Amino acid sequence: MAKKQFARSTSNRVLGGVLGGIADYFGWDANIVRLVFIVSILAGGVTPWLYLLAWIFIPNDKQVAEMDERADADKRDVTPDDQD
């Protein structure tokens, strides 16, 4: 089973994919996450800077997949060959 990693969504995005990535990670509906985020901004609970920082620092899902592929390629089989 693959390890679940947090990443911005490239397929479920409106602006930067941050809220789509949150929805994908937790298995939630992205539109509900977006609605809760907008309401929390209007209520003064969350600052829009938080979204900008997440956009800058969280890699997108394609970058995460490429990093996983490189990590798998770097692994090598260290079991001895069975020779009779």
N, C-alpha and C. Protein backbone atom coordinates (compact mmCIF):
# COMPACT_ATOMS: atom_id res chain seq x y z
N MET A 1 0.85 -1.18 0.00
CA MET A 1 0.00 0.00 0.00
C MET A 1 0.89 1.25 0.00
N ALA A 2 0.59 2.18 -0.86
CA ALA A 2 1.39 3.39 -0.99
C ALA A 2 1.14 4.32 0.19
N LYS A 3 2.21 4.98 0.61
CA LYS A 3 2.10 5.94 1.69
C LYS A 3 1.40 7.19 1.17
N LYS A 4 0.42 7.66 1.92
CA LYS A 4 -0.34 8.85 1.53
C LYS A 4 0.50 10.08 1.85
N GLN A 5 0.67 10.96 0.87
CA GLN A 5 1.45 12.17 1.07
C GLN A 5 0.59 13.39 0.75
N PHE A 6 0.84 14.44 1.50
CA PHE A 6 0.10 15.68 1.29
C PHE A 6 0.73 16.45 0.14
N ALA A 7 -0.08 16.84 -0.83
CA ALA A 7 0.42 17.58 -1.99
C ALA A 7 -0.71 18.43 -2.56
N ARG A 8 -0.31 19.49 -3.26
CA ARG A 8 -1.30 20.29 -3.98
C ARG A 8 -1.83 19.48 -5.15
N SER A 9 -3.10 19.63 -5.44
CA SER A 9 -3.73 18.88 -6.53
C SER A 9 -3.53 19.62 -7.85
N THR A 10 -3.17 18.86 -8.88
CA THR A 10 -3.08 19.46 -10.21
C THR A 10 -4.35 19.19 -11.02
N SER A 11 -5.16 18.25 -10.56
CA SER A 11 -6.38 17.94 -11.29
C SER A 11 -7.63 18.57 -10.67
N ASN A 12 -7.59 18.86 -9.38
CA ASN A 12 -8.74 19.41 -8.67
C ASN A 12 -8.35 20.77 -8.10
N ARG A 13 -8.16 21.71 -8.99
CA ARG A 13 -7.68 23.02 -8.55
C ARG A 13 -8.52 24.14 -9.14
N VAL A 14 -8.58 25.22 -8.38
CA VAL A 14 -9.21 26.44 -8.87
C VAL A 14 -8.13 27.51 -9.02
N LEU A 15 -7.30 27.66 -7.99
CA LEU A 15 -6.22 28.63 -8.05
C LEU A 15 -4.87 27.91 -7.99
N GLY A 16 -4.47 27.47 -6.82
CA GLY A 16 -3.16 26.83 -6.68
C GLY A 16 -3.22 25.36 -6.36
N GLY A 17 -4.40 24.83 -6.11
CA GLY A 17 -4.55 23.42 -5.82
C GLY A 17 -4.38 23.05 -4.36
N VAL A 18 -4.20 24.04 -3.48
CA VAL A 18 -3.99 23.77 -2.06
C VAL A 18 -5.24 23.15 -1.44
N LEU A 19 -6.38 23.75 -1.65
CA LEU A 19 -7.61 23.24 -1.05
C LEU A 19 -8.04 21.92 -1.69
N GLY A 20 -7.78 21.77 -2.97
CA GLY A 20 -8.03 20.49 -3.63
C GLY A 20 -7.13 19.39 -3.07
N GLY A 21 -5.89 19.75 -2.76
CA GLY A 21 -4.97 18.79 -2.15
C GLY A 21 -5.40 18.38 -0.76
N ILE A 22 -5.89 19.34 0.02
CA ILE A 22 -6.41 19.03 1.36
C ILE A 22 -7.60 18.08 1.24
N ALA A 23 -8.49 18.37 0.30
CA ALA A 23 -9.67 17.52 0.11
C ALA A 23 -9.26 16.11 -0.33
N ASP A 24 -8.30 16.01 -1.25
CA ASP A 24 -7.83 14.70 -1.70
C ASP A 24 -7.20 13.91 -0.56
N TYR A 25 -6.40 14.57 0.25
CA TYR A 25 -5.68 13.90 1.33
C TYR A 25 -6.64 13.31 2.36
N PHE A 26 -7.66 14.08 2.73
CA PHE A 26 -8.60 13.62 3.75
C PHE A 26 -9.83 12.90 3.19
N GLY A 27 -9.98 12.89 1.85
CA GLY A 27 -11.12 12.24 1.23
C GLY A 27 -12.40 13.05 1.34
N TRP A 28 -12.27 14.35 1.39
CA TRP A 28 -13.42 15.23 1.51
C TRP A 28 -13.79 15.80 0.15
N ASP A 29 -14.96 16.42 0.06
CA ASP A 29 -15.39 17.12 -1.14
C ASP A 29 -14.65 18.46 -1.21
N ALA A 30 -14.00 18.71 -2.33
CA ALA A 30 -13.18 19.92 -2.47
C ALA A 30 -14.02 21.19 -2.38
N ASN A 31 -15.24 21.16 -2.88
CA ASN A 31 -16.08 22.36 -2.83
C ASN A 31 -16.46 22.72 -1.39
N ILE A 32 -16.64 21.72 -0.55
CA ILE A 32 -16.93 21.98 0.86
C ILE A 32 -15.71 22.61 1.53
N VAL A 33 -14.53 22.09 1.23
CA VAL A 33 -13.29 22.64 1.80
C VAL A 33 -13.14 24.09 1.36
N ARG A 34 -13.40 24.37 0.10
CA ARG A 34 -13.30 25.74 -0.41
C ARG A 34 -14.31 26.66 0.29
N LEU A 35 -15.52 26.18 0.45
CA LEU A 35 -16.56 26.97 1.12
C LEU A 35 -16.18 27.27 2.56
N VAL A 36 -15.70 26.27 3.29
CA VAL A 36 -15.28 26.46 4.68
C VAL A 36 -14.12 27.44 4.75
N PHE A 37 -13.19 27.35 3.81
CA PHE A 37 -12.05 28.27 3.79
C PHE A 37 -12.51 29.71 3.56
N ILE A 38 -13.38 29.93 2.60
CA ILE A 38 -13.88 31.28 2.31
C ILE A 38 -14.65 31.84 3.49
N VAL A 39 -15.51 31.03 4.09
CA VAL A 39 -16.27 31.49 5.26
C VAL A 39 -15.33 31.83 6.41
N SER A 40 -14.29 31.03 6.61
CA SER A 40 -13.36 31.32 7.70
C SER A 40 -12.54 32.58 7.42
N ILE A 41 -12.26 32.88 6.18
CA ILE A 41 -11.58 34.14 5.85
C ILE A 41 -12.50 35.31 6.17
N LEU A 42 -13.75 35.21 5.74
CA LEU A 42 -14.70 36.29 5.98
C LEU A 42 -14.99 36.49 7.46
N ALA A 43 -14.95 35.42 8.24
CA ALA A 43 -15.20 35.50 9.67
C ALA A 43 -13.96 35.94 10.45
N GLY A 44 -12.84 36.04 9.76
CA GLY A 44 -11.61 36.50 10.40
C GLY A 44 -10.81 35.40 11.08
N GLY A 45 -11.15 34.15 10.85
CA GLY A 45 -10.45 33.05 11.50
C GLY A 45 -9.18 32.63 10.79
N VAL A 46 -9.13 32.81 9.48
CA VAL A 46 -7.97 32.40 8.68
C VAL A 46 -7.55 33.58 7.82
N THR A 47 -6.27 33.75 7.67
CA THR A 47 -5.76 34.81 6.82
C THR A 47 -5.44 34.27 5.42
N PRO A 48 -5.66 35.04 4.39
CA PRO A 48 -5.32 34.58 3.03
C PRO A 48 -3.82 34.29 2.87
N TRP A 49 -2.99 34.85 3.73
CA TRP A 49 -1.54 34.58 3.67
C TRP A 49 -1.25 33.10 3.89
N LEU A 50 -2.09 32.44 4.68
CA LEU A 50 -1.91 31.02 4.94
C LEU A 50 -2.00 30.22 3.62
N TYR A 51 -2.95 30.58 2.78
CA TYR A 51 -3.08 29.92 1.49
C TYR A 51 -1.85 30.17 0.63
N LEU A 52 -1.39 31.40 0.61
CA LEU A 52 -0.21 31.75 -0.18
C LEU A 52 1.02 30.98 0.28
N LEU A 53 1.22 30.89 1.58
CA LEU A 53 2.36 30.13 2.11
C LEU A 53 2.25 28.65 1.76
N ALA A 54 1.04 28.09 1.85
CA ALA A 54 0.85 26.69 1.49
C ALA A 54 1.14 26.48 0.01
N TRP A 55 0.73 27.42 -0.82
CA TRP A 55 0.96 27.33 -2.26
C TRP A 55 2.47 27.32 -2.56
N ILE A 56 3.22 28.10 -1.81
CA ILE A 56 4.66 28.19 -2.03
C ILE A 56 5.38 26.93 -1.54
N PHE A 57 5.03 26.43 -0.37
CA PHE A 57 5.83 25.40 0.27
C PHE A 57 5.36 23.96 0.04
N ILE A 58 4.12 23.75 -0.34
CA ILE A 58 3.62 22.39 -0.55
C ILE A 58 3.83 22.01 -2.02
N PRO A 59 4.52 20.91 -2.29
CA PRO A 59 4.73 20.50 -3.68
C PRO A 59 3.44 20.01 -4.30
N ASN A 60 3.36 20.08 -5.63
CA ASN A 60 2.15 19.55 -6.27
C ASN A 60 2.28 18.04 -6.43
N ASP A 61 1.17 17.38 -6.74
CA ASP A 61 1.17 15.92 -6.76
C ASP A 61 2.07 15.32 -7.83
N LYS A 62 2.30 16.03 -8.92
CA LYS A 62 3.22 15.53 -9.95
C LYS A 62 4.66 15.56 -9.44
N GLN A 63 5.03 16.59 -8.71
CA GLN A 63 6.37 16.66 -8.13
C GLN A 63 6.59 15.55 -7.11
N VAL A 64 5.58 15.27 -6.30
CA VAL A 64 5.67 14.20 -5.30
C VAL A 64 5.83 12.86 -5.99
N ALA A 65 5.09 12.63 -7.07
CA ALA A 65 5.19 11.37 -7.81
C ALA A 65 6.58 11.21 -8.42
N GLU A 66 7.14 12.31 -8.95
CA GLU A 66 8.50 12.25 -9.52
C GLU A 66 9.53 11.95 -8.43
N MET A 67 9.36 12.54 -7.25
CA MET A 67 10.29 12.27 -6.15
C MET A 67 10.20 10.81 -5.72
N ASP A 68 8.98 10.26 -5.70
CA ASP A 68 8.80 8.85 -5.34
C ASP A 68 9.47 7.94 -6.37
N GLU A 69 9.31 8.27 -7.66
CA GLU A 69 9.93 7.47 -8.71
C GLU A 69 11.45 7.50 -8.59
N ARG A 70 12.02 8.67 -8.33
CA ARG A 70 13.47 8.77 -8.16
C ARG A 70 13.95 7.99 -6.95
N ALA A 71 13.17 8.03 -5.87
CA ALA A 71 13.55 7.30 -4.67
C ALA A 71 13.50 5.80 -4.92
N ASP A 72 12.51 5.34 -5.67
CA ASP A 72 12.42 3.92 -6.01
C ASP A 72 13.56 3.49 -6.92
N ALA A 73 13.96 4.37 -7.84
CA ALA A 73 15.06 4.05 -8.75
C ALA A 73 16.38 3.97 -8.00
N ASP A 74 16.53 4.73 -6.93
CA ASP A 74 17.77 4.72 -6.15
C ASP A 74 17.91 3.47 -5.29
N LYS A 75 16.80 2.81 -5.02
CA LYS A 75 16.86 1.59 -4.22
C LYS A 75 17.41 0.46 -5.07
N ARG A 76 18.21 -0.36 -4.46
CA ARG A 76 18.73 -1.49 -5.20
C ARG A 76 18.52 -2.76 -4.39
N ASP A 77 18.46 -3.85 -5.07
CA ASP A 77 18.25 -5.14 -4.43
C ASP A 77 19.58 -5.59 -3.83
N VAL A 78 19.58 -5.82 -2.53
CA VAL A 78 20.82 -6.22 -1.85
C VAL A 78 20.77 -7.67 -1.39
N THR A 79 19.77 -8.42 -1.84
CA THR A 79 19.72 -9.83 -1.48
C THR A 79 20.71 -10.60 -2.33
N PRO A 80 21.39 -11.55 -1.75
CA PRO A 80 22.37 -12.32 -2.54
C PRO A 80 21.67 -13.21 -3.57
N ASP A 81 22.34 -13.41 -4.68
CA ASP A 81 21.80 -14.29 -5.72
C ASP A 81 21.89 -15.73 -5.23
N ASP A 82 20.87 -16.51 -5.56
CA ASP A 82 20.90 -17.93 -5.22
C ASP A 82 21.70 -18.67 -6.27
N GLN A 83 22.84 -19.13 -5.90
CA GLN A 83 23.67 -19.88 -6.83
C GLN A 83 23.87 -21.28 -6.26
N ASP A 84 23.71 -22.27 -7.10
CA ASP A 84 23.88 -23.65 -6.65
C ASP A 84 25.30 -24.12 -6.83
